[in-house]
Amino acid sequence: MNRKLRSMLSLCQRAGKILTGEDTVEINIKSGDALLVIIAGDASENTKNKFENKCKYYNILYFIYSTKEELSSCIGKYNRSVYAIIDKSFAEKIGTELSDMM
């Protein structure tokens, strides 16, 4: 993971604009609050399929990226598989950065 993405995720956490955990992210996808979803690459196949399908259904941009450990360390949490960005500006910047890396 590059330094810029790590910094953006950390800043997003400090601003309170990132949500984690399967239940919380699922609720925010359904409510329309989630603008970008990041799924850890080492999440279970069931989790990846579930959130890919939800994001497609609700037309939310998503990425399968990195590992739970690496993503969790960016935001100071432990063992999180799914992340939802709920701020338009952060979602655009993080989405652009992830797109460039893919």
PDB file of N, CA and C in Angstrom:
ATOM      1  N   MET A   1       0.848  -1.173   0.000  1.00  0.00           N
ATOM      2  CA  MET A   1       0.000   0.000   0.000  1.00  0.00           C
ATOM      3  C   MET A   1       0.896   1.238   0.000  1.00  0.00           C
ATOM      4  N   ASN A   2       0.526   2.184  -0.830  1.00  0.00           N
ATOM      5  CA  ASN A   2       1.382   3.367  -0.895  1.00  0.00           C
ATOM      6  C   ASN A   2       1.068   4.343   0.242  1.00  0.00           C
ATOM      7  N   ARG A   3       2.004   5.230   0.458  1.00  0.00           N
ATOM      8  CA  ARG A   3       1.924   6.176   1.573  1.00  0.00           C
ATOM      9  C   ARG A   3       0.717   7.108   1.457  1.00  0.00           C
ATOM     10  N   LYS A   4       0.406   7.540   0.242  1.00  0.00           N
ATOM     11  CA  LYS A   4      -0.699   8.472   0.038  1.00  0.00           C
ATOM     12  C   LYS A   4      -2.035   7.830   0.445  1.00  0.00           C
ATOM     13  N   LEU A   5      -2.266   6.603   0.028  1.00  0.00           N
ATOM     14  CA  LEU A   5      -3.510   5.917   0.384  1.00  0.00           C
ATOM     15  C   LEU A   5      -3.586   5.667   1.887  1.00  0.00           C
ATOM     16  N   ARG A   6      -2.486   5.254   2.458  1.00  0.00           N
ATOM     17  CA  ARG A   6      -2.430   5.029   3.911  1.00  0.00           C
ATOM     18  C   ARG A   6      -2.788   6.320   4.659  1.00  0.00           C
ATOM     19  N   SER A   7      -2.243   7.443   4.219  1.00  0.00           N
ATOM     20  CA  SER A   7      -2.516   8.735   4.860  1.00  0.00           C
ATOM     21  C   SER A   7      -3.976   9.141   4.701  1.00  0.00           C
ATOM     22  N   MET A   8      -4.538   8.924   3.514  1.00  0.00           N
ATOM     23  CA  MET A   8      -5.933   9.293   3.284  1.00  0.00           C
ATOM     24  C   MET A   8      -6.877   8.462   4.154  1.00  0.00           C
ATOM     25  N   LEU A   9      -6.613   7.165   4.285  1.00  0.00           N
ATOM     26  CA  LEU A   9      -7.449   6.318   5.132  1.00  0.00           C
ATOM     27  C   LEU A   9      -7.343   6.736   6.600  1.00  0.00           C
ATOM     28  N   SER A  10      -6.134   7.058   7.026  1.00  0.00           N
ATOM     29  CA  SER A  10      -5.919   7.498   8.402  1.00  0.00           C
ATOM     30  C   SER A  10      -6.648   8.816   8.673  1.00  0.00           C
ATOM     31  N   LEU A  11      -6.534   9.745   7.767  1.00  0.00           N
ATOM     32  CA  LEU A  11      -7.207  11.037   7.906  1.00  0.00           C
ATOM     33  C   LEU A  11      -8.724  10.867   7.892  1.00  0.00           C
ATOM     34  N   CYS A  12      -9.197   9.994   7.049  1.00  0.00           N
ATOM     35  CA  CYS A  12     -10.622   9.698   6.965  1.00  0.00           C
ATOM     36  C   CYS A  12     -11.136   9.152   8.302  1.00  0.00           C
ATOM     37  N   GLN A  13     -10.350   8.290   8.933  1.00  0.00           N
ATOM     38  CA  GLN A  13     -10.709   7.744  10.240  1.00  0.00           C
ATOM     39  C   GLN A  13     -10.765   8.847  11.291  1.00  0.00           C
ATOM     40  N   ARG A  14      -9.761   9.706  11.299  1.00  0.00           N
ATOM     41  CA  ARG A  14      -9.722  10.785  12.282  1.00  0.00           C
ATOM     42  C   ARG A  14     -10.882  11.765  12.105  1.00  0.00           C
ATOM     43  N   ALA A  15     -11.332  11.905  10.858  1.00  0.00           N
ATOM     44  CA  ALA A  15     -12.460  12.796  10.577  1.00  0.00           C
ATOM     45  C   ALA A  15     -13.806  12.115  10.848  1.00  0.00           C
ATOM     46  N   GLY A  16     -13.772  10.840  11.148  1.00  0.00           N
ATOM     47  CA  GLY A  16     -15.012  10.107  11.427  1.00  0.00           C
ATOM     48  C   GLY A  16     -15.822   9.801  10.182  1.00  0.00           C
ATOM     49  N   LYS A  17     -15.150   9.678   9.052  1.00  0.00           N
ATOM     50  CA  LYS A  17     -15.845   9.483   7.776  1.00  0.00           C
ATOM     51  C   LYS A  17     -15.637   8.088   7.187  1.00  0.00           C
ATOM     52  N   ILE A  18     -15.144   7.160   7.995  1.00  0.00           N
ATOM     53  CA  ILE A  18     -14.996   5.779   7.557  1.00  0.00           C
ATOM     54  C   ILE A  18     -15.664   4.872   8.590  1.00  0.00           C
ATOM     55  N   LEU A  19     -16.414   3.904   8.104  1.00  0.00           N
ATOM     56  CA  LEU A  19     -17.099   2.956   8.971  1.00  0.00           C
ATOM     57  C   LEU A  19     -16.550   1.566   8.689  1.00  0.00           C
ATOM     58  N   THR A  20     -16.482   0.736   9.716  1.00  0.00           N
ATOM     59  CA  THR A  20     -15.928  -0.597   9.538  1.00  0.00           C
ATOM     60  C   THR A  20     -16.839  -1.634  10.169  1.00  0.00           C
ATOM     61  N   GLY A  21     -16.606  -2.863   9.766  1.00  0.00           N
ATOM     62  CA  GLY A  21     -17.383  -3.970  10.307  1.00  0.00           C
ATOM     63  C   GLY A  21     -18.531  -4.317   9.371  1.00  0.00           C
ATOM     64  N   GLU A  22     -18.767  -5.605   9.220  1.00  0.00           N
ATOM     65  CA  GLU A  22     -19.749  -6.065   8.246  1.00  0.00           C
ATOM     66  C   GLU A  22     -21.150  -5.524   8.486  1.00  0.00           C
ATOM     67  N   ASP A  23     -21.640  -5.596   9.708  1.00  0.00           N
ATOM     68  CA  ASP A  23     -23.013  -5.150   9.988  1.00  0.00           C
ATOM     69  C   ASP A  23     -23.176  -3.654   9.741  1.00  0.00           C
ATOM     70  N   THR A  24     -22.238  -2.871  10.239  1.00  0.00           N
ATOM     71  CA  THR A  24     -22.303  -1.414  10.081  1.00  0.00           C
ATOM     72  C   THR A  24     -22.232  -1.015   8.619  1.00  0.00           C
ATOM     73  N   VAL A  25     -21.312  -1.627   7.880  1.00  0.00           N
ATOM     74  CA  VAL A  25     -21.164  -1.295   6.462  1.00  0.00           C
ATOM     75  C   VAL A  25     -22.416  -1.702   5.687  1.00  0.00           C
ATOM     76  N   GLU A  26     -22.951  -2.874   5.986  1.00  0.00           N
ATOM     77  CA  GLU A  26     -24.160  -3.336   5.292  1.00  0.00           C
ATOM     78  C   GLU A  26     -25.331  -2.366   5.503  1.00  0.00           C
ATOM     79  N   ILE A  27     -25.519  -1.915   6.725  1.00  0.00           N
ATOM     80  CA  ILE A  27     -26.591  -0.957   7.031  1.00  0.00           C
ATOM     81  C   ILE A  27     -26.389   0.333   6.237  1.00  0.00           C
ATOM     82  N   ASN A  28     -25.149   0.799   6.153  1.00  0.00           N
ATOM     83  CA  ASN A  28     -24.868   2.059   5.452  1.00  0.00           C
ATOM     84  C   ASN A  28     -24.919   1.922   3.941  1.00  0.00           C
ATOM     85  N   ILE A  29     -24.697   0.737   3.427  1.00  0.00           N
ATOM     86  CA  ILE A  29     -24.897   0.496   1.991  1.00  0.00           C
ATOM     87  C   ILE A  29     -26.386   0.603   1.686  1.00  0.00           C
ATOM     88  N   LYS A  30     -27.195  -0.070   2.485  1.00  0.00           N
ATOM     89  CA  LYS A  30     -28.642  -0.079   2.253  1.00  0.00           C
ATOM     90  C   LYS A  30     -29.258   1.308   2.420  1.00  0.00           C
ATOM     91  N   SER A  31     -28.740   2.091   3.352  1.00  0.00           N
ATOM     92  CA  SER A  31     -29.298   3.425   3.597  1.00  0.00           C
ATOM     93  C   SER A  31     -28.814   4.455   2.579  1.00  0.00           C
ATOM     94  N   GLY A  32     -27.791   4.112   1.806  1.00  0.00           N
ATOM     95  CA  GLY A  32     -27.263   5.036   0.810  1.00  0.00           C
ATOM     96  C   GLY A  32     -26.174   5.948   1.338  1.00  0.00           C
ATOM     97  N   ASP A  33     -25.753   5.745   2.574  1.00  0.00           N
ATOM     98  CA  ASP A  33     -24.705   6.580   3.153  1.00  0.00           C
ATOM     99  C   ASP A  33     -23.305   6.191   2.676  1.00  0.00           C
ATOM    100  N   ALA A  34     -23.105   4.921   2.354  1.00  0.00           N
ATOM    101  CA  ALA A  34     -21.790   4.452   1.895  1.00  0.00           C
ATOM    102  C   ALA A  34     -21.573   4.912   0.458  1.00  0.00           C
ATOM    103  N   LEU A  35     -20.472   5.595   0.219  1.00  0.00           N
ATOM    104  CA  LEU A  35     -20.153   6.101  -1.115  1.00  0.00           C
ATOM    105  C   LEU A  35     -19.062   5.284  -1.793  1.00  0.00           C
ATOM    106  N   LEU A  36     -18.252   4.608  -0.994  1.00  0.00           N
ATOM    107  CA  LEU A  36     -17.176   3.764  -1.493  1.00  0.00           C
ATOM    108  C   LEU A  36     -16.973   2.650  -0.479  1.00  0.00           C
ATOM    109  N   VAL A  37     -16.808   1.429  -0.961  1.00  0.00           N
ATOM    110  CA  VAL A  37     -16.591   0.295  -0.074  1.00  0.00           C
ATOM    111  C   VAL A  37     -15.269  -0.358  -0.441  1.00  0.00           C
ATOM    112  N   ILE A  38     -14.485  -0.671   0.578  1.00  0.00           N
ATOM    113  CA  ILE A  38     -13.227  -1.396   0.393  1.00  0.00           C
ATOM    114  C   ILE A  38     -13.371  -2.728   1.118  1.00  0.00           C
ATOM    115  N   ILE A  39     -13.107  -3.807   0.393  1.00  0.00           N
ATOM    116  CA  ILE A  39     -13.177  -5.158   0.943  1.00  0.00           C
ATOM    117  C   ILE A  39     -11.759  -5.708   0.965  1.00  0.00           C
ATOM    118  N   ALA A  40     -11.321  -6.190   2.109  1.00  0.00           N
ATOM    119  CA  ALA A  40      -9.968  -6.754   2.217  1.00  0.00           C
ATOM    120  C   ALA A  40      -9.856  -7.989   1.321  1.00  0.00           C
ATOM    121  N   GLY A  41      -8.742  -8.099   0.635  1.00  0.00           N
ATOM    122  CA  GLY A  41      -8.520  -9.225  -0.271  1.00  0.00           C
ATOM    123  C   GLY A  41      -8.476 -10.567   0.421  1.00  0.00           C
ATOM    124  N   ASP A  42      -8.150 -10.582   1.708  1.00  0.00           N
ATOM    125  CA  ASP A  42      -8.093 -11.851   2.429  1.00  0.00           C
ATOM    126  C   ASP A  42      -9.352 -12.104   3.265  1.00  0.00           C
ATOM    127  N   ALA A  43     -10.411 -11.337   2.995  1.00  0.00           N
ATOM    128  CA  ALA A  43     -11.706 -11.615   3.635  1.00  0.00           C
ATOM    129  C   ALA A  43     -12.214 -12.943   3.085  1.00  0.00           C
ATOM    130  N   SER A  44     -13.125 -13.566   3.799  1.00  0.00           N
ATOM    131  CA  SER A  44     -13.658 -14.852   3.340  1.00  0.00           C
ATOM    132  C   SER A  44     -14.380 -14.663   1.999  1.00  0.00           C
ATOM    133  N   GLU A  45     -14.459 -15.730   1.234  1.00  0.00           N
ATOM    134  CA  GLU A  45     -15.152 -15.669  -0.054  1.00  0.00           C
ATOM    135  C   GLU A  45     -16.605 -15.259   0.136  1.00  0.00           C
ATOM    136  N   ASN A  46     -17.226 -15.735   1.205  1.00  0.00           N
ATOM    137  CA  ASN A  46     -18.608 -15.386   1.500  1.00  0.00           C
ATOM    138  C   ASN A  46     -18.751 -13.875   1.708  1.00  0.00           C
ATOM    139  N   THR A  47     -17.841 -13.300   2.484  1.00  0.00           N
ATOM    140  CA  THR A  47     -17.869 -11.855   2.739  1.00  0.00           C
ATOM    141  C   THR A  47     -17.642 -11.075   1.454  1.00  0.00           C
ATOM    142  N   LYS A  48     -16.650 -11.485   0.666  1.00  0.00           N
ATOM    143  CA  LYS A  48     -16.380 -10.783  -0.594  1.00  0.00           C
ATOM    144  C   LYS A  48     -17.589 -10.833  -1.520  1.00  0.00           C
ATOM    145  N   ASN A  49     -18.170 -12.012  -1.686  1.00  0.00           N
ATOM    146  CA  ASN A  49     -19.336 -12.154  -2.560  1.00  0.00           C
ATOM    147  C   ASN A  49     -20.518 -11.333  -2.059  1.00  0.00           C
ATOM    148  N   LYS A  50     -20.762 -11.388  -0.763  1.00  0.00           N
ATOM    149  CA  LYS A  50     -21.886 -10.656  -0.166  1.00  0.00           C
ATOM    150  C   LYS A  50     -21.773  -9.162  -0.444  1.00  0.00           C
ATOM    151  N   PHE A  51     -20.594  -8.586  -0.188  1.00  0.00           N
ATOM    152  CA  PHE A  51     -20.445  -7.142  -0.348  1.00  0.00           C
ATOM    153  C   PHE A  51     -20.293  -6.726  -1.805  1.00  0.00           C
ATOM    154  N   GLU A  52     -19.710  -7.567  -2.630  1.00  0.00           N
ATOM    155  CA  GLU A  52     -19.681  -7.271  -4.065  1.00  0.00           C
ATOM    156  C   GLU A  52     -21.104  -7.175  -4.596  1.00  0.00           C
ATOM    157  N   ASN A  53     -21.921  -8.152  -4.254  1.00  0.00           N
ATOM    158  CA  ASN A  53     -23.303  -8.169  -4.728  1.00  0.00           C
ATOM    159  C   ASN A  53     -24.109  -6.990  -4.205  1.00  0.00           C
ATOM    160  N   LYS A  54     -23.932  -6.649  -2.926  1.00  0.00           N
ATOM    161  CA  LYS A  54     -24.651  -5.501  -2.351  1.00  0.00           C
ATOM    162  C   LYS A  54     -24.235  -4.203  -3.044  1.00  0.00           C
ATOM    163  N   CYS A  55     -22.936  -4.050  -3.261  1.00  0.00           N
ATOM    164  CA  CYS A  55     -22.449  -2.827  -3.916  1.00  0.00           C
ATOM    165  C   CYS A  55     -22.962  -2.729  -5.350  1.00  0.00           C
ATOM    166  N   LYS A  56     -22.976  -3.838  -6.052  1.00  0.00           N
ATOM    167  CA  LYS A  56     -23.505  -3.822  -7.426  1.00  0.00           C
ATOM    168  C   LYS A  56     -24.988  -3.473  -7.422  1.00  0.00           C
ATOM    169  N   TYR A  57     -25.743  -4.076  -6.520  1.00  0.00           N
ATOM    170  CA  TYR A  57     -27.178  -3.848  -6.445  1.00  0.00           C
ATOM    171  C   TYR A  57     -27.496  -2.384  -6.134  1.00  0.00           C
ATOM    172  N   TYR A  58     -26.761  -1.804  -5.188  1.00  0.00           N
ATOM    173  CA  TYR A  58     -27.008  -0.421  -4.773  1.00  0.00           C
ATOM    174  C   TYR A  58     -26.156   0.587  -5.558  1.00  0.00           C
ATOM    175  N   ASN A  59     -25.443   0.096  -6.563  1.00  0.00           N
ATOM    176  CA  ASN A  59     -24.626   0.942  -7.443  1.00  0.00           C
ATOM    177  C   ASN A  59     -23.604   1.772  -6.665  1.00  0.00           C
ATOM    178  N   ILE A  60     -22.810   1.078  -5.844  1.00  0.00           N
ATOM    179  CA  ILE A  60     -21.773   1.726  -5.033  1.00  0.00           C
ATOM    180  C   ILE A  60     -20.414   1.223  -5.522  1.00  0.00           C
ATOM    181  N   LEU A  61     -19.506   2.139  -5.731  1.00  0.00           N
ATOM    182  CA  LEU A  61     -18.152   1.785  -6.144  1.00  0.00           C
ATOM    183  C   LEU A  61     -17.475   0.990  -5.037  1.00  0.00           C
ATOM    184  N   TYR A  62     -16.809  -0.095  -5.409  1.00  0.00           N
ATOM    185  CA  TYR A  62     -16.113  -0.909  -4.413  1.00  0.00           C
ATOM    186  C   TYR A  62     -14.799  -1.414  -4.990  1.00  0.00           C
ATOM    187  N   PHE A  63     -13.894  -1.752  -4.085  1.00  0.00           N
ATOM    188  CA  PHE A  63     -12.603  -2.329  -4.447  1.00  0.00           C
ATOM    189  C   PHE A  63     -12.301  -3.478  -3.516  1.00  0.00           C
ATOM    190  N   ILE A  64     -11.716  -4.519  -4.064  1.00  0.00           N
ATOM    191  CA  ILE A  64     -11.150  -5.586  -3.241  1.00  0.00           C
ATOM    192  C   ILE A  64      -9.663  -5.301  -3.248  1.00  0.00           C
ATOM    193  N   TYR A  65      -9.127  -5.030  -2.060  1.00  0.00           N
ATOM    194  CA  TYR A  65      -7.770  -4.508  -2.002  1.00  0.00           C
ATOM    195  C   TYR A  65      -7.059  -4.903  -0.718  1.00  0.00           C
ATOM    196  N   SER A  66      -5.804  -5.197  -0.803  1.00  0.00           N
ATOM    197  CA  SER A  66      -4.885  -5.399   0.304  1.00  0.00           C
ATOM    198  C   SER A  66      -5.315  -6.518   1.257  1.00  0.00           C
ATOM    199  N   THR A  67      -4.929  -6.381   2.523  1.00  0.00           N
ATOM    200  CA  THR A  67      -5.246  -7.394   3.535  1.00  0.00           C
ATOM    201  C   THR A  67      -5.933  -6.732   4.720  1.00  0.00           C
ATOM    202  N   LYS A  68      -6.611  -7.555   5.525  1.00  0.00           N
ATOM    203  CA  LYS A  68      -7.270  -7.038   6.726  1.00  0.00           C
ATOM    204  C   LYS A  68      -6.259  -6.353   7.636  1.00  0.00           C
ATOM    205  N   GLU A  69      -5.105  -6.989   7.809  1.00  0.00           N
ATOM    206  CA  GLU A  69      -4.093  -6.446   8.714  1.00  0.00           C
ATOM    207  C   GLU A  69      -3.596  -5.083   8.256  1.00  0.00           C
ATOM    208  N   GLU A  70      -3.277  -4.967   6.980  1.00  0.00           N
ATOM    209  CA  GLU A  70      -2.739  -3.711   6.466  1.00  0.00           C
ATOM    210  C   GLU A  70      -3.789  -2.591   6.493  1.00  0.00           C
ATOM    211  N   LEU A  71      -5.008  -2.890   6.063  1.00  0.00           N
ATOM    212  CA  LEU A  71      -6.066  -1.878   6.082  1.00  0.00           C
ATOM    213  C   LEU A  71      -6.412  -1.472   7.512  1.00  0.00           C
ATOM    214  N   SER A  72      -6.517  -2.460   8.395  1.00  0.00           N
ATOM    215  CA  SER A  72      -6.843  -2.168   9.797  1.00  0.00           C
ATOM    216  C   SER A  72      -5.793  -1.285  10.457  1.00  0.00           C
ATOM    217  N   SER A  73      -4.536  -1.529  10.126  1.00  0.00           N
ATOM    218  CA  SER A  73      -3.468  -0.734  10.738  1.00  0.00           C
ATOM    219  C   SER A  73      -3.539   0.732  10.320  1.00  0.00           C
ATOM    220  N   CYS A  74      -4.076   1.011   9.137  1.00  0.00           N
ATOM    221  CA  CYS A  74      -4.200   2.400   8.674  1.00  0.00           C
ATOM    222  C   CYS A  74      -5.154   3.203   9.531  1.00  0.00           C
ATOM    223  N   ILE A  75      -6.160   2.547  10.080  1.00  0.00           N
ATOM    224  CA  ILE A  75      -7.175   3.276  10.828  1.00  0.00           C
ATOM    225  C   ILE A  75      -7.136   2.998  12.324  1.00  0.00           C
ATOM    226  N   GLY A  76      -6.173   2.196  12.755  1.00  0.00           N
ATOM    227  CA  GLY A  76      -6.011   1.944  14.177  1.00  0.00           C
ATOM    228  C   GLY A  76      -7.035   0.989  14.761  1.00  0.00           C
ATOM    229  N   LYS A  77      -7.606   0.147  13.919  1.00  0.00           N
ATOM    230  CA  LYS A  77      -8.564  -0.867  14.375  1.00  0.00           C
ATOM    231  C   LYS A  77      -7.916  -2.231  14.191  1.00  0.00           C
ATOM    232  N   TYR A  78      -8.604  -3.271  14.637  1.00  0.00           N
ATOM    233  CA  TYR A  78      -8.047  -4.612  14.531  1.00  0.00           C
ATOM    234  C   TYR A  78      -8.977  -5.534  13.747  1.00  0.00           C
ATOM    235  N   ASN A  79      -8.424  -6.215  12.761  1.00  0.00           N
ATOM    236  CA  ASN A  79      -9.084  -7.310  12.055  1.00  0.00           C
ATOM    237  C   ASN A  79     -10.426  -6.921  11.420  1.00  0.00           C
ATOM    238  N   ARG A  80     -10.438  -5.862  10.642  1.00  0.00           N
ATOM    239  CA  ARG A  80     -11.652  -5.438   9.942  1.00  0.00           C
ATOM    240  C   ARG A  80     -11.552  -5.854   8.481  1.00  0.00           C
ATOM    241  N   SER A  81     -12.634  -6.393   7.938  1.00  0.00           N
ATOM    242  CA  SER A  81     -12.646  -6.897   6.561  1.00  0.00           C
ATOM    243  C   SER A  81     -13.271  -5.922   5.573  1.00  0.00           C
ATOM    244  N   VAL A  82     -14.200  -5.092   6.048  1.00  0.00           N
ATOM    245  CA  VAL A  82     -14.980  -4.242   5.157  1.00  0.00           C
ATOM    246  C   VAL A  82     -14.992  -2.810   5.687  1.00  0.00           C
ATOM    247  N   TYR A  83     -14.856  -1.853   4.758  1.00  0.00           N
ATOM    248  CA  TYR A  83     -14.779  -0.438   5.115  1.00  0.00           C
ATOM    249  C   TYR A  83     -15.703   0.354   4.201  1.00  0.00           C
ATOM    250  N   ALA A  84     -16.412   1.311   4.752  1.00  0.00           N
ATOM    251  CA  ALA A  84     -17.279   2.187   3.960  1.00  0.00           C
ATOM    252  C   ALA A  84     -16.862   3.630   4.187  1.00  0.00           C
ATOM    253  N   ILE A  85     -16.629   4.337   3.103  1.00  0.00           N
ATOM    254  CA  ILE A  85     -16.323   5.759   3.161  1.00  0.00           C
ATOM    255  C   ILE A  85     -17.649   6.499   3.003  1.00  0.00           C
ATOM    256  N   ILE A  86     -17.943   7.423   3.917  1.00  0.00           N
ATOM    257  CA  ILE A  86     -19.238   8.105   3.902  1.00  0.00           C
ATOM    258  C   ILE A  86     -19.129   9.599   3.587  1.00  0.00           C
ATOM    259  N   ASP A  87     -17.980  10.026   3.117  1.00  0.00           N
ATOM    260  CA  ASP A  87     -17.772  11.428   2.749  1.00  0.00           C
ATOM    261  C   ASP A  87     -17.441  11.492   1.263  1.00  0.00           C
ATOM    262  N   LYS A  88     -18.115  12.358   0.540  1.00  0.00           N
ATOM    263  CA  LYS A  88     -17.950  12.432  -0.917  1.00  0.00           C
ATOM    264  C   LYS A  88     -16.515  12.748  -1.324  1.00  0.00           C
ATOM    265  N   SER A  89     -15.914  13.724  -0.690  1.00  0.00           N
ATOM    266  CA  SER A  89     -14.556  14.131  -1.036  1.00  0.00           C
ATOM    267  C   SER A  89     -13.548  13.005  -0.789  1.00  0.00           C
ATOM    268  N   PHE A  90     -13.627  12.380   0.392  1.00  0.00           N
ATOM    269  CA  PHE A  90     -12.737  11.261   0.690  1.00  0.00           C
ATOM    270  C   PHE A  90     -12.980  10.104  -0.271  1.00  0.00           C
ATOM    271  N   ALA A  91     -14.245   9.826  -0.564  1.00  0.00           N
ATOM    272  CA  ALA A  91     -14.583   8.717  -1.459  1.00  0.00           C
ATOM    273  C   ALA A  91     -13.986   8.936  -2.847  1.00  0.00           C
ATOM    274  N   GLU A  92     -14.074  10.153  -3.338  1.00  0.00           N
ATOM    275  CA  GLU A  92     -13.522  10.456  -4.662  1.00  0.00           C
ATOM    276  C   GLU A  92     -12.010  10.301  -4.678  1.00  0.00           C
ATOM    277  N   LYS A  93     -11.344  10.857  -3.675  1.00  0.00           N
ATOM    278  CA  LYS A  93      -9.882  10.810  -3.641  1.00  0.00           C
ATOM    279  C   LYS A  93      -9.359   9.387  -3.437  1.00  0.00           C
ATOM    280  N   ILE A  94      -9.969   8.665  -2.509  1.00  0.00           N
ATOM    281  CA  ILE A  94      -9.531   7.290  -2.241  1.00  0.00           C
ATOM    282  C   ILE A  94      -9.870   6.402  -3.448  1.00  0.00           C
ATOM    283  N   GLY A  95     -11.043   6.603  -4.040  1.00  0.00           N
ATOM    284  CA  GLY A  95     -11.426   5.846  -5.230  1.00  0.00           C
ATOM    285  C   GLY A  95     -10.463   6.066  -6.379  1.00  0.00           C
ATOM    286  N   THR A  96     -10.078   7.311  -6.582  1.00  0.00           N
ATOM    287  CA  THR A  96      -9.117   7.633  -7.653  1.00  0.00           C
ATOM    288  C   THR A  96      -7.771   6.965  -7.383  1.00  0.00           C
ATOM    289  N   GLU A  97      -7.314   7.037  -6.154  1.00  0.00           N
ATOM    290  CA  GLU A  97      -6.028   6.430  -5.782  1.00  0.00           C
ATOM    291  C   GLU A  97      -6.071   4.910  -5.987  1.00  0.00           C
ATOM    292  N   LEU A  98      -7.145   4.273  -5.560  1.00  0.00           N
ATOM    293  CA  LEU A  98      -7.267   2.831  -5.732  1.00  0.00           C
ATOM    294  C   LEU A  98      -7.372   2.451  -7.209  1.00  0.00           C
ATOM    295  N   SER A  99      -8.098   3.243  -7.996  1.00  0.00           N
ATOM    296  CA  SER A  99      -8.213   2.981  -9.427  1.00  0.00           C
ATOM    297  C   SER A  99      -6.859   3.053 -10.111  1.00  0.00           C
ATOM    298  N   ASP A 100      -6.066   4.043  -9.725  1.00  0.00           N
ATOM    299  CA  ASP A 100      -4.733   4.196 -10.311  1.00  0.00           C
ATOM    300  C   ASP A 100      -3.818   3.029  -9.971  1.00  0.00           C
ATOM    301  N   MET A 101      -4.047   2.409  -8.808  1.00  0.00           N
ATOM    302  CA  MET A 101      -3.190   1.325  -8.364  1.00  0.00           C
ATOM    303  C   MET A 101      -3.588  -0.019  -8.981  1.00  0.00           C
ATOM    304  N   MET A 102      -4.794  -0.119  -9.480  1.00  0.00           N
ATOM    305  CA  MET A 102      -5.276  -1.395 -10.018  1.00  0.00           C
ATOM    306  C   MET A 102      -4.813  -1.614 -11.436  1.00  0.00           C
TER     307      MET A 102
END
